[in-house]
Amino acid sequence: MKRCSYCGTEYPDDAIACTVDQTPLEQSRLAEAPTVVSTIRRKIPLPLSIVSCYLVAGGIFQIGWSILIAPYLGSIPILNVVYGVLILVVCRGLRRCSRHWYVCALVVIGLVVSGICLETVQGLMHSVPVRFTILHLKDFAIWLCIILVLTRPAIRSLFFHEPEVAT
């Protein structure tokens, strides 16, 4: 029995072409799958997905806020726009499980946490209203949770696990 490689219909050995699409039975219309896949798809864990969504929201908020307050300041605060774009790019790297962007994310988050600590200490020294101190502490807790999620062994293994490559 011969089988059509296109539609899968079986024919007797003396058949020459498929009756459905007139494909010769000796020739295959389907290309063979490559032996090595160029991209490896990984399922992103829910905590990492939540962190990346938070980072996207934070990056978009920084860029939008910079554009909205620009008329009152006279110009766009470039540092806030750069920070927003950096957060968006870092988030993209985290979603692709890139090792280099993972390290960059940890450095950026470390700088953010340092900045929050500095603002909290300055607020306490200059007797800023308590609501601002509470907001800084809430922000510190959120970024600390993000660091804890990113440094979990299961999440870290996504970035530092070497995939098996066919040789």
Protein backbone atom coordinates (compact mmCIF):
# COMPACT_ATOMS: atom_id res chain seq x y z
CA MET A 1 0.00 0.00 0.00
CA LYS A 2 1.14 3.52 -0.84
CA ARG A 3 0.18 6.53 1.22
CA CYS A 4 -0.23 10.10 0.01
CA SER A 5 2.22 12.23 1.95
CA TYR A 6 -0.04 15.27 1.70
CA CYS A 7 -3.50 14.04 2.73
CA GLY A 8 -2.60 10.64 4.23
CA THR A 9 -4.98 8.58 2.08
CA GLU A 10 -3.85 5.00 1.35
CA TYR A 11 -3.81 3.62 -2.22
CA PRO A 12 -2.90 0.28 -3.80
CA ASP A 13 0.70 -0.19 -4.98
CA ASP A 14 -0.20 0.37 -8.65
CA ALA A 15 -1.68 3.86 -8.02
CA ILE A 16 0.32 6.76 -9.46
CA ALA A 17 -1.33 9.92 -8.03
CA CYS A 18 -3.62 10.89 -5.20
CA THR A 19 -7.23 11.26 -6.31
CA VAL A 20 -7.83 14.14 -3.90
CA ASP A 21 -5.07 16.57 -4.93
CA GLN A 22 -3.33 14.79 -7.84
CA THR A 23 0.01 14.63 -5.97
CA PRO A 24 2.33 11.91 -7.23
CA LEU A 25 2.60 9.25 -4.53
CA GLU A 26 6.39 8.96 -4.74
CA GLN A 27 7.00 12.68 -4.03
CA SER A 28 6.40 14.34 -0.73
CA ARG A 29 4.93 17.87 -0.56
CA LEU A 30 5.74 18.36 3.09
CA ALA A 31 9.15 19.63 4.12
CA GLU A 32 10.91 17.74 6.85
CA ALA A 33 11.09 19.35 10.26
CA PRO A 34 14.51 20.74 11.15
CA THR A 35 16.52 18.61 13.54
CA VAL A 36 17.43 21.55 15.81
CA VAL A 37 14.80 24.04 16.91
CA SER A 38 16.11 27.60 16.92
CA THR A 39 13.97 28.91 19.79
CA ILE A 40 13.12 27.13 22.98
CA ARG A 41 9.67 27.88 24.33
CA ARG A 42 9.36 27.87 28.08
CA LYS A 43 6.28 28.22 30.18
CA ILE A 44 6.73 31.26 32.40
CA PRO A 45 5.71 30.65 36.03
CA LEU A 46 2.86 32.75 37.42
CA PRO A 47 5.01 34.74 39.91
CA LEU A 48 7.39 35.78 37.12
CA SER A 49 4.45 36.70 34.92
CA ILE A 50 3.00 38.88 37.71
CA VAL A 51 6.38 40.58 38.22
CA SER A 52 6.72 41.27 34.49
CA CYS A 53 3.19 42.70 34.32
CA TYR A 54 3.99 44.96 37.29
CA LEU A 55 7.17 46.11 35.56
CA VAL A 56 5.29 46.84 32.31
CA ALA A 57 2.71 48.86 34.25
CA GLY A 58 5.48 50.71 36.10
CA GLY A 59 7.37 51.50 32.89
CA ILE A 60 4.27 52.76 31.10
CA PHE A 61 3.30 54.79 34.17
CA GLN A 62 6.76 56.44 34.31
CA ILE A 63 6.65 57.40 30.65
CA GLY A 64 3.04 58.60 30.82
CA TRP A 65 3.59 60.56 34.02
CA SER A 66 6.67 62.23 32.52
CA ILE A 67 4.68 63.34 29.48
CA LEU A 68 1.76 64.57 31.61
CA ILE A 69 3.87 66.71 33.95
CA ALA A 70 6.08 68.08 31.16
CA PRO A 71 3.93 71.22 30.55
CA TYR A 72 4.17 72.14 34.24
CA LEU A 73 7.92 71.62 34.42
CA GLY A 74 8.74 73.22 31.09
CA SER A 75 10.34 70.07 29.69
CA ILE A 76 10.03 66.30 29.85
CA PRO A 77 11.98 64.76 32.74
CA ILE A 78 14.38 62.67 30.66
CA LEU A 79 15.58 60.54 33.57
CA ASN A 80 12.04 59.30 34.26
CA VAL A 81 11.52 58.46 30.58
CA VAL A 82 14.84 56.59 30.46
CA TYR A 83 13.89 54.71 33.63
CA GLY A 84 10.48 53.77 32.15
CA VAL A 85 12.03 52.53 28.91
CA LEU A 86 14.70 50.60 30.84
CA ILE A 87 12.03 48.89 32.94
CA LEU A 88 10.10 47.92 29.77
CA VAL A 89 13.23 46.48 28.14
CA VAL A 90 14.20 44.61 31.32
CA CYS A 91 10.70 43.15 31.47
CA ARG A 92 11.00 41.93 27.87
CA GLY A 93 14.31 40.27 28.72
CA LEU A 94 12.78 38.59 31.77
CA ARG A 95 9.93 37.20 29.67
CA ARG A 96 12.47 35.77 27.21
CA CYS A 97 14.39 34.18 30.11
CA SER A 98 17.58 36.00 29.14
CA ARG A 99 20.41 35.57 31.64
CA HIS A 100 21.90 39.01 30.97
CA TRP A 101 18.60 40.84 31.41
CA TYR A 102 18.02 38.88 34.62
CA VAL A 103 21.24 40.27 36.07
CA CYS A 104 20.34 43.73 34.75
CA ALA A 105 16.90 43.44 36.38
CA LEU A 106 18.46 42.61 39.73
CA VAL A 107 20.83 45.60 39.45
CA VAL A 108 18.01 47.99 38.45
CA ILE A 109 15.76 46.71 41.24
CA GLY A 110 18.64 47.06 43.71
CA LEU A 111 19.06 50.69 42.63
CA VAL A 112 15.32 51.30 42.99
CA VAL A 113 15.31 49.82 46.50
CA SER A 114 18.35 51.95 47.40
CA GLY A 115 16.58 55.05 46.11
CA ILE A 116 13.47 54.26 48.14
CA CYS A 117 15.58 53.80 51.28
CA LEU A 118 17.33 57.10 50.64
CA GLU A 119 14.02 58.94 50.15
CA THR A 120 12.59 57.38 53.32
CA VAL A 121 15.60 58.43 55.39
CA GLN A 122 15.53 61.95 53.92
CA GLY A 123 11.80 62.16 54.65
CA LEU A 124 12.35 61.16 58.26
CA MET A 125 15.17 63.71 58.64
CA HIS A 126 13.14 66.57 57.17
CA SER A 127 9.87 65.64 58.93
CA VAL A 128 7.84 64.86 55.82
CA PRO A 129 4.19 63.92 56.51
CA VAL A 130 3.71 60.35 57.67
CA ARG A 131 1.60 59.40 54.64
CA PHE A 132 4.63 59.83 52.36
CA THR A 133 6.73 57.65 54.65
CA ILE A 134 4.00 55.00 54.58
CA LEU A 135 3.90 55.17 50.77
CA HIS A 136 7.68 54.72 50.61
CA LEU A 137 7.49 51.73 52.95
CA LYS A 138 4.72 50.18 50.84
CA ASP A 139 6.79 50.71 47.71
CA PHE A 140 9.81 49.19 49.46
CA ALA A 141 7.76 46.12 50.41
CA ILE A 142 6.57 45.63 46.81
CA TRP A 143 10.10 45.86 45.38
CA LEU A 144 11.37 43.52 48.12
CA CYS A 145 8.71 40.98 47.09
CA ILE A 146 9.86 41.34 43.47
CA ILE A 147 13.45 40.60 44.51
CA LEU A 148 12.28 37.57 46.50
CA VAL A 149 10.35 36.26 43.49
CA LEU A 150 13.28 36.74 41.13
CA THR A 151 15.73 35.02 43.46
CA ARG A 152 13.61 31.90 44.05
CA PRO A 153 15.49 28.76 42.97
CA ALA A 154 12.74 27.72 40.52
CA ILE A 155 12.75 31.13 38.82
CA ARG A 156 16.53 31.46 38.88
CA SER A 157 16.88 28.07 37.18
CA LEU A 158 14.91 29.44 34.19
CA PHE A 159 17.71 31.91 33.52
CA PHE A 160 20.74 29.78 34.33
CA HIS A 161 19.61 26.36 33.07
CA GLU A 162 21.56 25.26 30.01
CA PRO A 163 19.20 23.67 27.46
CA GLU A 164 20.23 20.42 25.86
CA VAL A 165 21.48 21.08 22.33
CA ALA A 166 21.36 18.40 19.67
CA THR A 167 24.79 17.68 18.26
